[in-house]
Amino acid sequence: MAKENVGKCPKCGADVYIGYSYYCSAYQQGCNFNLKKEHNYFGQSLSIGKEYAQKLINGESVNFKIKNKEGKPYNAAFELNIQEKEVSLKKIPNKKTVFNSSQKYYIQKKYAIDLNNINADIHIGKGTKRFILEKLKNIEIHSFKASSPYVNIESIIKNLELHSNVEKIFVISSDEVSGEDSKIRKKRNRDFLEGITYYSKITYGNGHEKREQHFEDNLMIYPFKYKTNPEDENENSPNYFNLHSKFYLINNQYAFIGSANLTEKGLSSNFETLFLLIKIKVKTIGN
């Protein structure tokens, strides 16, 4: 009977099979990756089925319903905690976006964009890509930073001519992927990134090897998980902020803010709204 594969080992890159646990097929060669099907989190049992195992092994987070100190249930995100001798689950701290009285929007309390007293160009309709390209036609791009739930990385790099020497930072802020379009886009992103990925091997003193994956030096991708309607947030609270808008920052001076995702439909056929703010102030706030 053929063994069922659930992904590639995060430690060595070999296949991971389903047995009494999710184990690396290269265990005879020394890889000790072994993900248990049952985990204990402060007395609460967390069961990992095949779908959750695939996501965790692929570097994604998964949600479990657990109870807080007061016994109130809530959804919490977990990711793999891969250590030298064991593999466990690690709860991801809640990340909140804060809105303060001085009209500055903060992401992780590190960066702020001051929107006071700024005039903006606005696009409402289809053909968002034409609007962006028209506004940037005389701009030499050396830095492109974006926060968007859905991104077609290859298309954006080609359409905006973001060459290898251009700093490219994508904060992908969606919940778990669902729908056929999202799955196709995710596969295209993986295929494209595989083409610009290189690998290196680290050999430990005990002879074990670990394969590490790297993108080109100027490309960085960060997942930023959020809930559009968090259960633990009060919409009437002064600190409540429902993240929906997409942000594209060029050369730390030109900001596009609106509804358009960085996808073919978002930039071409969908009816979208997009503002262009010029010579904005981007401040590093600190840790």
Foldseek 3Di string as FASTA:
>chain_A
DDFDFLAAAQFARATWTDDCWTAGPCVVVPDGETGHQWDADPNDIDGADSVNVSQQRVVHWDWDWDADPVRHTFIWIWHWDDDPHYIDIDTDDDFAWFQDPQGWTDGSQFKTWHPPPFDKDKDWFFQQLVVVCVVCVVPDFQEKEKEFQAAQPVVVCVSVVQDLRHQYEYAHEHDDDDDPVSVVSVVNSVVVQVVQKDWDWDADPVGDIGIDIDGRPRYYYHYHYDDQDGPPDDPPDNTDDRDQWMWMATPNFKIKIWHAGNDPCSNGPDGIMIIITGGIDMDGRDD
